[in-house]
Amino acid sequence: MKFLLPIFLIFTLSVSAVSPDRSIQDKIYSARDKVMTALVHIQPVIKNYATGEMEKQAVIGSGIVIHEDGYVVTNYHVAGKAERIICTLADKEIVTATYIGGDPMTDISVIKLDLSNYKNKIEIAEFGNSDEVQVGQYVMALGSPLSLSRSLSFGVISTKDRYFSSNVRLPSGERTGRYNLWLQTDAAINPGNSGGPLVDLEGKIVGINSRAQTFANNIGFAIPINVVKAVVAEIIDHKKVIRSWIGLHCQPLQELEEYFGTNGYSGVLISSIDPSSPAEKSFLKAGDIILELDGKPVFARFVEEVPFFYNQIAQYKPGSEISLKVLRNDETFNFKVVTKQLGDLQGEDFESKEWGFTVKEITRQMQVENQLDDMTGVLVVGVKNVGSASEGGLRRRDVISQINSTPIQNFEDFISLYNELTIQKTEKILLTIDRSGATRYVLLDITEEEEDKEDE
């Protein structure tokens, strides 16, 4: 008899391991049915300029219908660069979609389904409240992982306030994560899940799946739905998110409190300031600690609190005057700063087909990121492996300032002169470039390019 008890215990544990709580199972089924009908399989065709020539690529993503007019929310890195979008709905009907607008800073975009020939009733998913999400809460990630449409994975919220440095970039090159934290989950998120919903057991969307951790098992991240709701409203109204910018960058104070003499919840440390920005023009400096914003205390002791401060500034109307109370060398000062509208992060692209490379318009944000003196010229995005540009020594990230001694002030100047010289069949092209702060010259021999084409 002494062996019966252990055997009985093993048997009971085994049964409970394979027999899930029916109430949880039923909730999963119910939540699935509420959201799966609004799930969208997205196949955008995007333009890629990174190889030195314009290439069209078909990619896979996911989305969720949020409005009866056919608005679908997805990731910016799914649809933000699309020239054509094909969508498969839950009933397997295929429709096209139009890109409405997007926000790379939060990796959110909105597309609109063309329902003019769609015979069935469109289904809509319901937003939840990501502020109420708890660590350990059950969630489901829906989408098209690895192009496997209408898939569901199950897990929990691992943390609700994951922070990524704003240096993190999307596949298209734009920075992301400056203005939001992320929900982390162990519900499997793979390529193709991007843009799909993260859903609670009530069938409400608490996040939009965005990214997975490379070389990690079941560590995925979603944009909190409360962030998504605000961004989507801006996109539908303005085609983009309008934010104020003053050009300062911050870091958490936690490890520096003793040096600066601040208490646990007081102040935001300025780590750097963009050149020619409103902050620089108002004489703010790196090392200053902002104590108040328009008379209200601000703080960023921990890294997770930095995006909230950035958002406080971003939510002002561009052109607003804001007051900053600042601690500098044990003295307090008051500064007035006039905000500017945050410009586009990435400029337009262009393929210089006859010369064998691609270029991009330089925006103010690109000027700051690439530490350029100004926004003149164009940035080389890619160089073909074989061609006159490659043989001449042109490289990615070179800035072209002159062509055959003619100054290139902007993107339009480059296109205009390129077209002119191409029509004239000019055989020798001298590019004046800036490379890491030094001026260099690159000679393109277009005659060799033409001979290669004839040989083919």
Protein backbone atom coordinates (compact mmCIF):
# COMPACT_ATOMS: atom_id res chain seq x y z
CA MET A 1 0.00 0.00 0.00
CA LYS A 2 2.87 2.37 0.61
CA PHE A 3 3.41 2.67 -3.19
CA LEU A 4 -0.14 3.63 -4.02
CA LEU A 5 0.05 7.22 -2.87
CA PRO A 6 2.99 8.28 -5.06
CA ILE A 7 1.49 6.54 -8.07
CA PHE A 8 -1.84 8.25 -7.46
CA LEU A 9 -0.17 11.65 -7.18
CA ILE A 10 1.74 11.22 -10.43
CA PHE A 11 -1.47 10.21 -12.18
CA THR A 12 -3.37 13.25 -10.89
CA LEU A 13 -0.66 15.70 -11.92
CA SER A 14 -0.49 14.14 -15.35
CA VAL A 15 -4.23 14.51 -15.88
CA SER A 16 -4.27 18.14 -14.73
CA ALA A 17 -1.36 18.96 -17.05
CA VAL A 18 -3.25 17.86 -20.14
CA SER A 19 -6.71 19.07 -19.07
CA PRO A 20 -6.74 22.89 -19.21
CA ASP A 21 -9.17 24.94 -17.16
CA ARG A 22 -12.31 24.90 -19.31
CA SER A 23 -13.20 28.45 -18.31
CA ILE A 24 -9.88 29.71 -19.69
CA GLN A 25 -10.24 27.56 -22.79
CA ASP A 26 -13.72 28.93 -23.42
CA LYS A 27 -12.46 32.50 -22.96
CA ILE A 28 -9.74 31.86 -25.54
CA TYR A 29 -12.33 30.58 -28.00
CA SER A 30 -14.62 33.54 -27.35
CA ALA A 31 -11.82 36.13 -27.67
CA ARG A 32 -10.55 34.44 -30.82
CA ASP A 33 -13.96 34.59 -32.47
CA LYS A 34 -14.38 38.29 -31.65
CA VAL A 35 -11.10 39.29 -33.30
CA MET A 36 -10.28 36.71 -35.96
CA THR A 37 -13.10 37.96 -38.21
CA ALA A 38 -11.48 41.43 -38.29
CA LEU A 39 -7.97 40.12 -38.97
CA VAL A 40 -6.32 41.16 -42.26
CA HIS A 41 -3.49 39.48 -44.15
CA ILE A 42 -1.51 42.28 -45.84
CA GLN A 43 0.75 41.92 -48.88
CA PRO A 44 2.36 45.27 -49.68
CA VAL A 45 4.69 45.86 -52.60
CA ILE A 46 7.44 48.19 -51.41
CA LYS A 47 10.31 50.01 -53.09
CA ASN A 48 13.82 49.24 -51.87
CA TYR A 49 16.72 51.54 -52.79
CA ALA A 50 19.44 50.06 -50.58
CA THR A 51 21.18 48.08 -53.34
CA GLY A 52 21.87 51.08 -55.55
CA GLU A 53 18.84 50.54 -57.77
CA MET A 54 15.11 50.67 -57.18
CA GLU A 55 13.76 47.19 -56.53
CA LYS A 56 10.15 46.25 -55.89
CA GLN A 57 9.66 43.66 -53.17
CA ALA A 58 6.56 41.85 -51.95
CA VAL A 59 6.44 41.56 -48.16
CA ILE A 60 3.97 40.08 -45.70
CA GLY A 61 2.31 41.69 -42.71
CA SER A 62 -0.88 41.74 -40.68
CA GLY A 63 -3.52 44.26 -39.71
CA ILE A 64 -6.83 44.64 -37.93
CA VAL A 65 -10.03 46.38 -39.08
CA ILE A 66 -10.93 49.20 -36.67
CA HIS A 67 -13.71 51.08 -38.49
CA GLU A 68 -16.76 50.20 -40.57
CA ASP A 69 -15.42 52.40 -43.41
CA GLY A 70 -12.57 49.92 -43.83
CA TYR A 71 -9.75 51.57 -41.89
CA VAL A 72 -7.08 49.06 -40.87
CA VAL A 73 -4.26 49.66 -38.42
CA THR A 74 -0.90 48.00 -39.06
CA ASN A 75 2.80 48.77 -38.63
CA TYR A 76 4.59 51.57 -40.44
CA HIS A 77 7.31 49.13 -41.42
CA VAL A 78 4.63 47.00 -43.12
CA ALA A 79 2.78 49.62 -45.17
CA GLY A 80 4.70 52.89 -44.79
CA LYS A 81 6.70 52.48 -48.01
CA ALA A 82 4.11 50.55 -50.02
CA GLU A 83 3.18 51.53 -53.54
CA ARG A 84 0.53 48.81 -53.81
CA ILE A 85 -1.35 46.91 -51.07
CA ILE A 86 -3.28 43.67 -51.43
CA CYS A 87 -5.34 42.48 -48.45
CA THR A 88 -6.97 39.13 -47.71
CA LEU A 89 -9.88 39.35 -45.27
CA ALA A 90 -11.00 36.71 -42.78
CA ASP A 91 -13.47 35.21 -45.29
CA LYS A 92 -10.53 34.83 -47.73
CA GLU A 93 -11.86 37.52 -50.06
CA ILE A 94 -9.12 39.68 -51.60
CA VAL A 95 -9.38 43.48 -51.83
CA THR A 96 -6.94 46.31 -52.48
CA ALA A 97 -6.14 49.04 -49.95
CA THR A 98 -4.94 52.63 -49.99
CA TYR A 99 -2.22 53.96 -47.72
CA ILE A 100 -3.66 56.76 -45.54
CA GLY A 101 -0.65 57.77 -43.45
CA GLY A 102 1.82 56.64 -40.86
CA ASP A 103 4.07 57.44 -37.95
CA PRO A 104 7.52 55.81 -37.93
CA MET A 105 8.21 57.11 -34.41
CA THR A 106 5.64 54.65 -33.04
CA ASP A 107 5.71 52.23 -36.02
CA ILE A 108 2.00 52.69 -36.75
CA SER A 109 0.26 53.25 -40.07
CA VAL A 110 -3.32 53.24 -41.32
CA ILE A 111 -4.60 51.83 -44.60
CA LYS A 112 -8.13 51.84 -45.99
CA LEU A 113 -9.73 48.84 -47.67
CA ASP A 114 -11.48 49.29 -51.01
CA LEU A 115 -14.88 47.78 -50.19
CA SER A 116 -16.67 48.95 -53.32
CA ASN A 117 -16.99 45.38 -54.66
CA TYR A 118 -17.00 43.57 -51.32
CA LYS A 119 -20.32 41.76 -50.80
CA ASN A 120 -20.04 40.64 -47.18
CA LYS A 121 -20.29 42.65 -43.96
CA ILE A 122 -17.01 44.00 -42.68
CA GLU A 123 -16.18 43.00 -39.11
CA ILE A 124 -14.57 45.42 -36.62
CA ALA A 125 -12.34 44.72 -33.62
CA GLU A 126 -12.70 46.54 -30.31
CA PHE A 127 -9.95 48.51 -28.59
CA GLY A 128 -9.11 47.71 -24.98
CA ASN A 129 -7.17 49.76 -22.41
CA SER A 130 -3.45 49.06 -22.30
CA ASP A 131 -3.07 51.06 -19.06
CA GLU A 132 -4.99 48.29 -17.31
CA VAL A 133 -2.82 45.46 -18.63
CA GLN A 134 -1.04 43.46 -15.92
CA VAL A 135 2.21 41.52 -15.97
CA GLY A 136 1.27 37.82 -16.14
CA GLN A 137 -2.03 38.52 -17.92
CA TYR A 138 -3.03 36.07 -20.66
CA VAL A 139 -2.88 37.45 -24.20
CA MET A 140 -3.03 36.17 -27.78
CA ALA A 141 -1.02 37.36 -30.78
CA LEU A 142 -2.88 37.06 -34.08
CA GLY A 143 -1.57 37.53 -37.58
CA SER A 144 0.36 35.91 -40.41
CA PRO A 145 3.66 34.69 -38.97
CA LEU A 146 6.04 33.54 -41.70
CA SER A 147 3.17 34.13 -44.16
CA LEU A 148 0.92 31.60 -42.37
CA SER A 149 -2.32 33.57 -42.34
CA ARG A 150 -4.98 33.50 -39.61
CA SER A 151 -2.59 32.18 -36.97
CA LEU A 152 -2.90 32.54 -33.20
CA SER A 153 -0.30 32.16 -30.45
CA PHE A 154 -0.93 32.28 -26.72
CA GLY A 155 1.10 33.61 -23.79
CA VAL A 156 1.28 36.25 -21.09
CA ILE A 157 2.40 39.84 -20.70
CA SER A 158 6.05 39.63 -19.62
CA THR A 159 6.41 43.34 -18.86
CA LYS A 160 4.30 46.38 -19.72
CA ASP A 161 6.93 49.13 -19.82
CA ARG A 162 9.82 47.90 -21.95
CA TYR A 163 11.97 50.77 -23.21
CA PHE A 164 13.98 50.87 -26.42
CA SER A 165 16.49 53.56 -27.22
CA SER A 166 15.33 55.95 -29.94
CA ASN A 167 18.39 54.76 -31.89
CA VAL A 168 16.44 51.57 -32.71
CA ARG A 169 15.48 51.65 -36.38
CA LEU A 170 12.79 50.16 -38.55
CA PRO A 171 13.76 48.09 -41.61
CA SER A 172 13.06 51.20 -43.72
CA GLY A 173 15.67 53.17 -41.77
CA GLU A 174 13.53 55.46 -39.60
CA ARG A 175 14.05 55.72 -35.87
CA THR A 176 11.30 54.40 -33.64
CA GLY A 177 10.45 54.16 -29.94
CA ARG A 178 11.19 57.72 -28.82
CA TYR A 179 7.64 58.44 -27.70
CA ASN A 180 6.37 55.15 -26.35
CA LEU A 181 7.13 52.13 -24.20
CA TRP A 182 6.35 48.56 -25.35
CA LEU A 183 4.39 45.60 -24.09
CA GLN A 184 6.60 42.51 -23.94
CA THR A 185 4.97 39.10 -24.36
CA ASP A 186 5.99 35.47 -24.69
CA ALA A 187 3.14 34.84 -27.13
CA ALA A 188 5.11 33.95 -30.25
CA ILE A 189 5.62 36.91 -32.61
CA ASN A 190 7.48 36.20 -35.85
CA PRO A 191 8.03 38.01 -39.17
CA GLY A 192 4.58 38.45 -40.70
CA ASN A 193 2.91 38.98 -37.32
CA SER A 194 3.83 42.65 -37.61
CA GLY A 195 0.75 44.86 -37.46
CA GLY A 196 -1.51 42.16 -36.06
CA PRO A 197 -3.36 42.57 -32.76
CA LEU A 198 -2.33 41.52 -29.26
CA VAL A 199 -5.62 40.55 -27.65
CA ASP A 200 -6.80 39.96 -24.06
CA LEU A 201 -9.23 37.23 -23.02
CA GLU A 202 -12.16 39.62 -23.43
CA GLY A 203 -11.39 39.84 -27.12
CA LYS A 204 -10.17 43.43 -26.92
CA ILE A 205 -6.99 44.71 -28.55
CA VAL A 206 -4.39 45.77 -25.99
CA GLY A 207 -1.49 46.19 -28.42
CA ILE A 208 -0.30 46.05 -32.02
CA ASN A 209 2.43 43.48 -32.62
CA SER A 210 5.57 45.11 -33.91
CA ARG A 211 8.82 43.29 -33.34
CA ALA A 212 10.55 40.17 -32.07
CA GLN A 213 13.93 39.83 -30.38
CA THR A 214 16.57 38.37 -32.68
CA PHE A 215 18.05 35.06 -31.48
CA ALA A 216 15.51 34.85 -28.63
CA ASN A 217 12.66 32.42 -28.08
CA ASN A 218 9.19 33.89 -27.63
CA ILE A 219 10.20 37.42 -26.73
CA GLY A 220 8.00 39.76 -28.72
CA PHE A 221 6.91 43.37 -28.40
CA ALA A 222 3.69 45.24 -29.10
CA ILE A 223 2.80 48.93 -29.15
CA PRO A 224 0.32 49.68 -26.33
CA ILE A 225 -3.14 50.27 -27.75
CA ASN A 226 -3.62 53.57 -25.90
CA VAL A 227 -0.65 54.91 -27.86
CA VAL A 228 -2.09 53.42 -31.05
CA LYS A 229 -5.51 55.05 -30.53
CA ALA A 230 -4.01 58.54 -30.26
CA VAL A 231 -1.72 58.01 -33.26
CA VAL A 232 -4.49 56.55 -35.45
CA ALA A 233 -6.77 59.51 -34.72
CA GLU A 234 -4.01 61.92 -35.82
CA ILE A 235 -3.30 59.93 -38.97
CA ILE A 236 -6.94 59.80 -40.04
CA ASP A 237 -7.31 63.55 -39.42
CA HIS A 238 -3.93 64.79 -40.74
CA LYS A 239 -2.36 61.85 -42.65
CA LYS A 240 0.49 62.00 -40.13
CA VAL A 241 1.22 62.77 -36.49
CA ILE A 242 2.06 66.41 -35.80
CA ARG A 243 4.53 66.86 -32.95
CA SER A 244 6.44 69.75 -31.44
CA TRP A 245 10.21 69.58 -31.25
CA ILE A 246 12.84 71.65 -29.45
CA GLY A 247 15.90 69.51 -30.16
CA LEU A 248 17.03 68.16 -26.82
CA HIS A 249 17.89 64.60 -25.78
CA CYS A 250 17.63 63.27 -22.25
CA GLN A 251 18.93 60.43 -20.12
CA PRO A 252 17.77 59.00 -16.78
CA LEU A 253 19.12 60.59 -13.61
CA GLN A 254 19.15 57.51 -11.39
CA GLU A 255 22.91 56.86 -11.45
CA LEU A 256 23.82 60.56 -11.46
CA GLU A 257 21.69 61.89 -8.61
CA GLU A 258 24.58 62.10 -6.15
CA TYR A 259 26.71 64.07 -8.59
CA PHE A 260 23.97 66.55 -9.53
CA GLY A 261 22.49 66.72 -6.03
CA THR A 262 18.93 65.97 -7.06
CA ASN A 263 16.39 63.95 -5.13
CA GLY A 264 14.74 60.77 -6.39
CA TYR A 265 11.89 62.37 -8.32
CA SER A 266 13.08 65.75 -9.46
CA GLY A 267 14.33 66.80 -12.85
CA VAL A 268 15.16 65.66 -16.37
CA LEU A 269 18.82 65.59 -17.40
CA ILE A 270 19.71 67.01 -20.83
CA SER A 271 22.39 64.81 -22.38
CA SER A 272 22.75 66.58 -25.75
CA ILE A 273 21.20 69.30 -27.90
CA ASP A 274 20.73 69.32 -31.67
CA PRO A 275 22.61 72.09 -33.50
CA SER A 276 20.51 75.08 -34.63
CA SER A 277 17.55 73.73 -32.66
CA PRO A 278 15.15 75.87 -30.58
CA ALA A 279 16.83 74.51 -27.43
CA GLU A 280 20.28 75.64 -28.60
CA LYS A 281 18.96 79.04 -29.68
CA SER A 282 17.46 79.46 -26.19
CA PHE A 283 20.91 78.75 -24.63
CA LEU A 284 20.05 75.43 -23.02
CA LYS A 285 23.10 73.21 -22.52
CA ALA A 286 23.98 69.56 -22.06
CA GLY A 287 24.17 68.91 -18.32
CA ASP A 288 21.23 71.18 -17.53
CA ILE A 289 18.48 69.62 -15.43
CA ILE A 290 14.92 70.65 -16.31
CA LEU A 291 12.93 70.94 -13.08
CA GLU A 292 9.65 72.37 -14.40
CA LEU A 293 7.78 72.60 -17.69
CA ASP A 294 5.33 75.52 -17.73
CA GLY A 295 5.33 75.53 -13.93
CA LYS A 296 4.72 71.79 -13.54
CA PRO A 297 7.42 69.51 -12.07
CA VAL A 298 8.97 67.01 -14.47
CA PHE A 299 11.20 64.03 -13.79
CA ALA A 300 12.90 61.12 -15.53
CA ARG A 301 14.75 59.17 -12.89
CA PHE A 302 14.38 55.87 -14.74
CA VAL A 303 14.85 55.14 -18.42
CA GLU A 304 11.17 54.14 -18.74
CA GLU A 305 10.15 57.69 -17.82
CA VAL A 306 12.08 59.41 -20.63
CA PRO A 307 9.44 58.85 -23.39
CA PHE A 308 6.77 60.47 -21.20
CA PHE A 309 8.83 63.67 -20.98
CA TYR A 310 9.41 63.71 -24.75
CA ASN A 311 5.66 63.32 -25.20
CA GLN A 312 4.93 66.27 -22.94
CA ILE A 313 6.86 68.51 -25.32
CA ALA A 314 5.58 66.78 -28.46
CA GLN A 315 1.95 67.44 -27.55
CA TYR A 316 2.33 71.23 -27.69
CA LYS A 317 1.12 72.93 -30.85
CA PRO A 318 4.13 73.82 -33.05
CA GLY A 319 5.05 77.46 -32.51
CA SER A 320 4.12 77.39 -28.82
CA GLU A 321 6.29 79.19 -26.28
CA ILE A 322 7.10 76.97 -23.32
CA SER A 323 8.79 77.91 -20.03
CA LEU A 324 11.53 75.72 -18.58
CA LYS A 325 12.90 76.03 -15.07
CA VAL A 326 16.45 74.67 -15.17
CA LEU A 327 19.08 73.73 -12.60
CA ARG A 328 22.61 74.61 -13.74
CA ASN A 329 25.63 74.46 -11.43
CA ASP A 330 23.49 74.72 -8.27
CA GLU A 331 21.63 77.75 -9.65
CA THR A 332 18.15 77.85 -11.16
CA PHE A 333 17.32 79.72 -14.36
CA ASN A 334 14.18 80.26 -16.41
CA PHE A 335 14.23 79.82 -20.19
CA LYS A 336 11.64 80.46 -22.89
CA VAL A 337 11.68 78.08 -25.87
CA VAL A 338 9.49 78.27 -28.98
CA THR A 339 8.69 74.82 -30.35
CA LYS A 340 8.95 73.81 -33.99
CA GLN A 341 7.11 71.09 -35.84
CA LEU A 342 9.05 67.85 -35.97
CA GLY A 343 9.83 67.34 -39.63
CA ASP A 344 9.88 64.19 -41.70
CA LEU A 345 12.47 61.71 -40.50
CA GLN A 346 13.38 60.39 -43.94
CA GLY A 347 13.32 62.18 -47.28
CA GLU A 348 12.28 61.01 -50.73
CA ASP A 349 14.34 58.45 -52.65
CA PHE A 350 15.55 58.55 -56.26
CA GLU A 351 17.29 56.04 -58.53
CA SER A 352 20.10 57.44 -60.68
CA LYS A 353 19.76 54.50 -63.02
CA GLU A 354 22.27 55.63 -65.64
CA TRP A 355 24.90 56.38 -62.99
CA GLY A 356 24.48 53.25 -60.88
CA PHE A 357 23.42 54.55 -57.47
CA THR A 358 20.45 55.78 -55.42
CA VAL A 359 20.09 58.94 -53.34
CA LYS A 360 17.83 60.35 -50.65
CA GLU A 361 16.62 63.84 -49.81
CA ILE A 362 18.26 65.20 -46.63
CA THR A 363 15.81 66.23 -43.92
CA ARG A 364 16.60 68.14 -40.74
CA GLN A 365 16.43 64.95 -38.71
CA MET A 366 18.85 63.23 -41.10
CA GLN A 367 21.18 66.21 -40.80
CA VAL A 368 21.25 65.77 -37.03
CA GLU A 369 21.61 61.99 -37.14
CA ASN A 370 24.42 62.06 -39.69
CA GLN A 371 26.14 65.07 -38.06
CA LEU A 372 26.01 67.12 -41.27
CA ASP A 373 26.73 70.85 -41.34
CA ASP A 374 23.49 71.61 -43.19
CA MET A 375 20.80 70.06 -45.38
CA THR A 376 22.38 70.87 -48.75
CA GLY A 377 23.08 68.12 -51.25
CA VAL A 378 21.72 64.57 -51.34
CA LEU A 379 22.67 61.44 -49.38
CA VAL A 380 23.86 58.34 -51.23
CA VAL A 381 21.67 55.41 -50.12
CA GLY A 382 23.12 52.57 -52.17
CA VAL A 383 25.70 51.84 -54.88
CA LYS A 384 25.37 49.03 -57.43
CA ASN A 385 28.11 46.42 -57.11
CA VAL A 386 28.95 46.76 -60.79
CA GLY A 387 28.81 50.14 -62.51
CA SER A 388 30.48 53.50 -62.96
CA ALA A 389 29.66 54.70 -59.43
CA SER A 390 31.19 51.62 -57.82
CA GLU A 391 34.28 51.78 -60.03
CA GLY A 392 34.63 55.50 -59.29
CA GLY A 393 34.69 54.83 -55.53
CA LEU A 394 31.31 56.24 -54.49
CA ARG A 395 30.10 54.89 -51.15
CA ARG A 396 26.90 54.70 -49.13
CA ARG A 397 26.38 57.73 -46.85
CA ASP A 398 28.45 60.03 -49.09
CA VAL A 399 26.81 63.46 -49.49
CA ILE A 400 26.87 64.83 -53.04
CA SER A 401 27.25 68.63 -53.00
CA GLN A 402 28.22 69.32 -56.65
CA ILE A 403 27.88 67.70 -60.07
CA ASN A 404 30.37 68.90 -62.70
CA SER A 405 31.04 71.95 -60.47
CA THR A 406 27.34 72.87 -60.32
CA PRO A 407 26.17 73.19 -56.67
CA ILE A 408 23.39 70.85 -55.54
CA GLN A 409 21.31 72.71 -52.97
CA ASN A 410 18.56 70.14 -52.57
CA PHE A 411 16.90 66.97 -53.82
CA GLU A 412 15.12 68.75 -56.67
CA ASP A 413 18.41 70.23 -57.93
CA PHE A 414 19.94 66.77 -58.12
CA ILE A 415 17.05 65.27 -60.08
CA SER A 416 16.93 68.22 -62.47
CA LEU A 417 20.67 68.12 -63.24
CA TYR A 418 20.71 64.32 -63.46
CA ASN A 419 17.92 64.39 -66.04
CA GLU A 420 19.62 67.16 -68.00
CA LEU A 421 23.01 65.40 -68.18
CA THR A 422 21.39 62.07 -68.99
CA ILE A 423 19.45 63.56 -71.91
CA GLN A 424 22.66 65.21 -73.15
CA LYS A 425 24.45 61.85 -72.78
CA THR A 426 27.31 63.47 -70.91
CA GLU A 427 30.03 60.84 -70.63
CA LYS A 428 32.11 62.17 -67.73
CA ILE A 429 30.42 63.12 -64.45
CA LEU A 430 32.48 64.61 -61.62
CA LEU A 431 30.81 64.37 -58.22
CA THR A 432 32.00 66.53 -55.33
CA ILE A 433 31.18 64.69 -52.14
CA ASP A 434 31.50 65.05 -48.39
CA ARG A 435 32.70 61.88 -46.67
CA SER A 436 33.09 61.96 -42.88
CA GLY A 437 33.74 65.70 -42.95
CA ALA A 438 36.32 65.61 -45.77
CA THR A 439 35.80 66.70 -49.39
CA ARG A 440 36.51 64.10 -52.08
CA TYR A 441 35.91 63.74 -55.81
CA VAL A 442 34.36 60.80 -57.66
CA LEU A 443 34.55 60.51 -61.45
CA LEU A 444 31.84 58.54 -63.22
CA ASP A 445 32.76 57.19 -66.66
CA ILE A 446 29.40 56.71 -68.33
CA THR A 447 31.01 55.46 -71.58
CA GLU A 448 32.04 52.26 -69.76
CA GLU A 449 28.48 51.89 -68.49
CA GLU A 450 27.12 52.06 -72.04
CA GLU A 451 29.72 49.58 -73.33
CA ASP A 452 28.73 47.11 -70.62
CA LYS A 453 25.08 47.39 -71.66
CA GLU A 454 26.00 46.73 -75.31
CA ASP A 455 28.00 43.64 -74.33
CA GLU A 456 24.95 42.27 -72.49
